[in-house]
Amino acid sequence: MKYLLLCVGAAACASVSPIHDPSFPARRGTPELPSATALAEYWRGHAPLTAHVQLCVAPTGETVHVRLAQSSGERKYDEAVVRDAEGWSYEPFDTTSGSPVCEPASVTYLP
């Protein structure tokens, strides 16, 4: 399983759940959450927030679609996670159909 820990703001981190499908491509670089980081002060002192998204990646490694699957309950956080995840990139991969592959992920803000 692949795990990732991202820092959001000076005293908070966000963890991204494991990608379950072993055929899902490896991530390039460290995915960042700059939009969420910009709002970290707003959430300081809140309970953890978790946004569940569906990530779809093209064979080129480009994230082509991110859909919010379940809200964290904080609209601004949900929007920030989706916006930031749209910029993540992955290693190119081959598929027989040339279609994107999709996988669920959870991004949790840890105050």
C-alpha atoms as a PDB file:
ATOM      1  CA  MET A   1       0.000   0.000   0.000  1.00  0.00           C
ATOM      2  CA  LYS A   2       1.117   3.557  -0.708  1.00  0.00           C
ATOM      3  CA  TYR A   3       0.806   6.151   2.068  1.00  0.00           C
ATOM      4  CA  LEU A   4       1.477   9.866   1.957  1.00  0.00           C
ATOM      5  CA  LEU A   5       1.711  12.552   4.607  1.00  0.00           C
ATOM      6  CA  LEU A   6       1.365  16.199   3.570  1.00  0.00           C
ATOM      7  CA  CYS A   7       1.888  19.185   5.838  1.00  0.00           C
ATOM      8  CA  VAL A   8      -0.793  21.845   5.666  1.00  0.00           C
ATOM      9  CA  GLY A   9       0.232  24.998   7.495  1.00  0.00           C
ATOM     10  CA  ALA A  10       2.822  25.317  10.223  1.00  0.00           C
ATOM     11  CA  ALA A  11       1.236  22.991  12.762  1.00  0.00           C
ATOM     12  CA  ALA A  12      -1.003  20.721  10.747  1.00  0.00           C
ATOM     13  CA  CYS A  13      -0.606  17.815   8.377  1.00  0.00           C
ATOM     14  CA  ALA A  14      -2.908  16.074   5.946  1.00  0.00           C
ATOM     15  CA  SER A  15      -2.686  12.382   5.247  1.00  0.00           C
ATOM     16  CA  VAL A  16      -3.777  10.804   1.999  1.00  0.00           C
ATOM     17  CA  SER A  17      -5.203   7.325   2.286  1.00  0.00           C
ATOM     18  CA  PRO A  18      -3.472   4.430   0.576  1.00  0.00           C
ATOM     19  CA  ILE A  19      -4.156   3.854  -3.083  1.00  0.00           C
ATOM     20  CA  HIS A  20      -5.727   0.394  -3.065  1.00  0.00           C
ATOM     21  CA  ASP A  21      -5.243  -0.718  -6.669  1.00  0.00           C
ATOM     22  CA  PRO A  22      -1.678  -2.001  -7.208  1.00  0.00           C
ATOM     23  CA  SER A  23      -2.003  -1.137 -10.912  1.00  0.00           C
ATOM     24  CA  PHE A  24      -2.701   2.522 -10.104  1.00  0.00           C
ATOM     25  CA  PRO A  25       0.308   4.550 -11.302  1.00  0.00           C
ATOM     26  CA  ALA A  26       2.969   5.833  -8.924  1.00  0.00           C
ATOM     27  CA  ARG A  27       2.751   9.492  -7.996  1.00  0.00           C
ATOM     28  CA  ARG A  28       5.384  11.898  -9.351  1.00  0.00           C
ATOM     29  CA  GLY A  29       6.938  14.119  -6.715  1.00  0.00           C
ATOM     30  CA  THR A  30       5.217  15.094  -3.540  1.00  0.00           C
ATOM     31  CA  PRO A  31       1.591  16.119  -4.014  1.00  0.00           C
ATOM     32  CA  GLU A  32       0.947  19.429  -2.353  1.00  0.00           C
ATOM     33  CA  LEU A  33      -2.130  21.109  -0.960  1.00  0.00           C
ATOM     34  CA  PRO A  34      -1.378  24.831  -1.508  1.00  0.00           C
ATOM     35  CA  SER A  35      -5.047  25.859  -1.533  1.00  0.00           C
ATOM     36  CA  ALA A  36      -5.649  24.011   1.730  1.00  0.00           C
ATOM     37  CA  THR A  37      -2.464  25.480   3.214  1.00  0.00           C
ATOM     38  CA  ALA A  38      -3.756  28.979   2.471  1.00  0.00           C
ATOM     39  CA  LEU A  39      -6.840  28.219   4.585  1.00  0.00           C
ATOM     40  CA  ALA A  40      -5.073  26.377   7.437  1.00  0.00           C
ATOM     41  CA  GLU A  41      -5.502  29.259   9.900  1.00  0.00           C
ATOM     42  CA  TYR A  42      -9.266  29.039   9.391  1.00  0.00           C
ATOM     43  CA  TRP A  43      -9.281  25.394  10.535  1.00  0.00           C
ATOM     44  CA  ARG A  44      -6.817  25.744  13.403  1.00  0.00           C
ATOM     45  CA  GLY A  45      -8.426  24.212  16.473  1.00  0.00           C
ATOM     46  CA  HIS A  46     -11.081  22.317  14.482  1.00  0.00           C
ATOM     47  CA  ALA A  47     -11.470  18.576  14.581  1.00  0.00           C
ATOM     48  CA  PRO A  48      -9.825  16.637  11.727  1.00  0.00           C
ATOM     49  CA  LEU A  49     -11.481  17.104   8.336  1.00  0.00           C
ATOM     50  CA  THR A  50     -11.626  14.330   5.742  1.00  0.00           C
ATOM     51  CA  ALA A  51     -12.629  14.821   2.115  1.00  0.00           C
ATOM     52  CA  HIS A  52     -13.124  11.702   0.006  1.00  0.00           C
ATOM     53  CA  VAL A  53     -12.335  12.106  -3.691  1.00  0.00           C
ATOM     54  CA  GLN A  54     -12.238  10.000  -6.833  1.00  0.00           C
ATOM     55  CA  LEU A  55      -8.996  10.563  -8.797  1.00  0.00           C
ATOM     56  CA  CYS A  56      -8.824   9.708 -12.496  1.00  0.00           C
ATOM     57  CA  VAL A  57      -5.425   9.604 -14.205  1.00  0.00           C
ATOM     58  CA  ALA A  58      -4.760   9.418 -17.957  1.00  0.00           C
ATOM     59  CA  PRO A  59      -2.098   7.074 -19.383  1.00  0.00           C
ATOM     60  CA  THR A  60       0.139  10.166 -19.752  1.00  0.00           C
ATOM     61  CA  GLY A  61       0.179  10.462 -15.936  1.00  0.00           C
ATOM     62  CA  GLU A  62      -1.924  13.630 -15.920  1.00  0.00           C
ATOM     63  CA  THR A  63      -4.782  13.862 -13.434  1.00  0.00           C
ATOM     64  CA  VAL A  64      -7.765  14.360 -15.725  1.00  0.00           C
ATOM     65  CA  HIS A  65     -10.646  14.318 -13.267  1.00  0.00           C
ATOM     66  CA  VAL A  66     -11.138  14.736  -9.537  1.00  0.00           C
ATOM     67  CA  ARG A  67     -14.610  14.371  -8.088  1.00  0.00           C
ATOM     68  CA  LEU A  68     -15.656  14.947  -4.501  1.00  0.00           C
ATOM     69  CA  ALA A  69     -17.182  11.647  -3.397  1.00  0.00           C
ATOM     70  CA  GLN A  70     -17.980  12.621   0.201  1.00  0.00           C
ATOM     71  CA  SER A  71     -17.753  16.026   1.809  1.00  0.00           C
ATOM     72  CA  SER A  72     -15.698  16.809   4.884  1.00  0.00           C
ATOM     73  CA  GLY A  73     -18.513  19.088   6.010  1.00  0.00           C
ATOM     74  CA  GLU A  74     -16.395  22.165   5.221  1.00  0.00           C
ATOM     75  CA  ARG A  75     -17.072  23.419   1.689  1.00  0.00           C
ATOM     76  CA  LYS A  76     -13.864  25.477   1.497  1.00  0.00           C
ATOM     77  CA  TYR A  77     -11.731  22.476   2.465  1.00  0.00           C
ATOM     78  CA  ASP A  78     -13.499  20.213  -0.040  1.00  0.00           C
ATOM     79  CA  GLU A  79     -12.961  22.752  -2.832  1.00  0.00           C
ATOM     80  CA  ALA A  80      -9.293  23.194  -1.881  1.00  0.00           C
ATOM     81  CA  VAL A  81      -8.635  19.442  -1.895  1.00  0.00           C
ATOM     82  CA  VAL A  82     -10.269  18.972  -5.312  1.00  0.00           C
ATOM     83  CA  ARG A  83      -8.447  21.985  -6.786  1.00  0.00           C
ATOM     84  CA  ASP A  84      -5.084  20.824  -5.443  1.00  0.00           C
ATOM     85  CA  ALA A  85      -5.526  17.159  -6.424  1.00  0.00           C
ATOM     86  CA  GLU A  86      -6.237  18.251  -9.997  1.00  0.00           C
ATOM     87  CA  GLY A  87      -2.583  19.344 -10.202  1.00  0.00           C
ATOM     88  CA  TRP A  88      -1.064  16.057  -9.016  1.00  0.00           C
ATOM     89  CA  SER A  89       0.826  14.002 -11.586  1.00  0.00           C
ATOM     90  CA  TYR A  90       1.637  10.328 -11.875  1.00  0.00           C
ATOM     91  CA  GLU A  91       4.025   8.116 -13.804  1.00  0.00           C
ATOM     92  CA  PRO A  92       2.871   7.316 -17.351  1.00  0.00           C
ATOM     93  CA  PHE A  93       1.400   3.839 -17.781  1.00  0.00           C
ATOM     94  CA  ASP A  94       0.017   1.592 -20.498  1.00  0.00           C
ATOM     95  CA  THR A  95      -3.557   0.407 -20.778  1.00  0.00           C
ATOM     96  CA  THR A  96      -5.058  -1.690 -23.513  1.00  0.00           C
ATOM     97  CA  SER A  97      -7.988   0.712 -23.855  1.00  0.00           C
ATOM     98  CA  GLY A  98      -6.044   3.953 -23.397  1.00  0.00           C
ATOM     99  CA  SER A  99      -8.670   4.969 -20.839  1.00  0.00           C
ATOM    100  CA  PRO A 100      -7.929   6.768 -17.569  1.00  0.00           C
ATOM    101  CA  VAL A 101      -7.768   4.733 -14.375  1.00  0.00           C
ATOM    102  CA  CYS A 102      -9.656   5.950 -11.322  1.00  0.00           C
ATOM    103  CA  GLU A 103      -9.117   5.339  -7.626  1.00  0.00           C
ATOM    104  CA  PRO A 104     -10.691   6.706  -4.425  1.00  0.00           C
ATOM    105  CA  ALA A 105      -8.542   8.651  -1.964  1.00  0.00           C
ATOM    106  CA  SER A 106      -9.191  10.344   1.357  1.00  0.00           C
ATOM    107  CA  VAL A 107      -7.408  13.555   2.307  1.00  0.00           C
ATOM    108  CA  THR A 108      -7.497  14.324   6.022  1.00  0.00           C
ATOM    109  CA  TYR A 109      -6.553  17.612   7.664  1.00  0.00           C
ATOM    110  CA  LEU A 110      -4.966  16.930  11.051  1.00  0.00           C
ATOM    111  CA  PRO A 111      -4.935  20.027  13.306  1.00  0.00           C
END
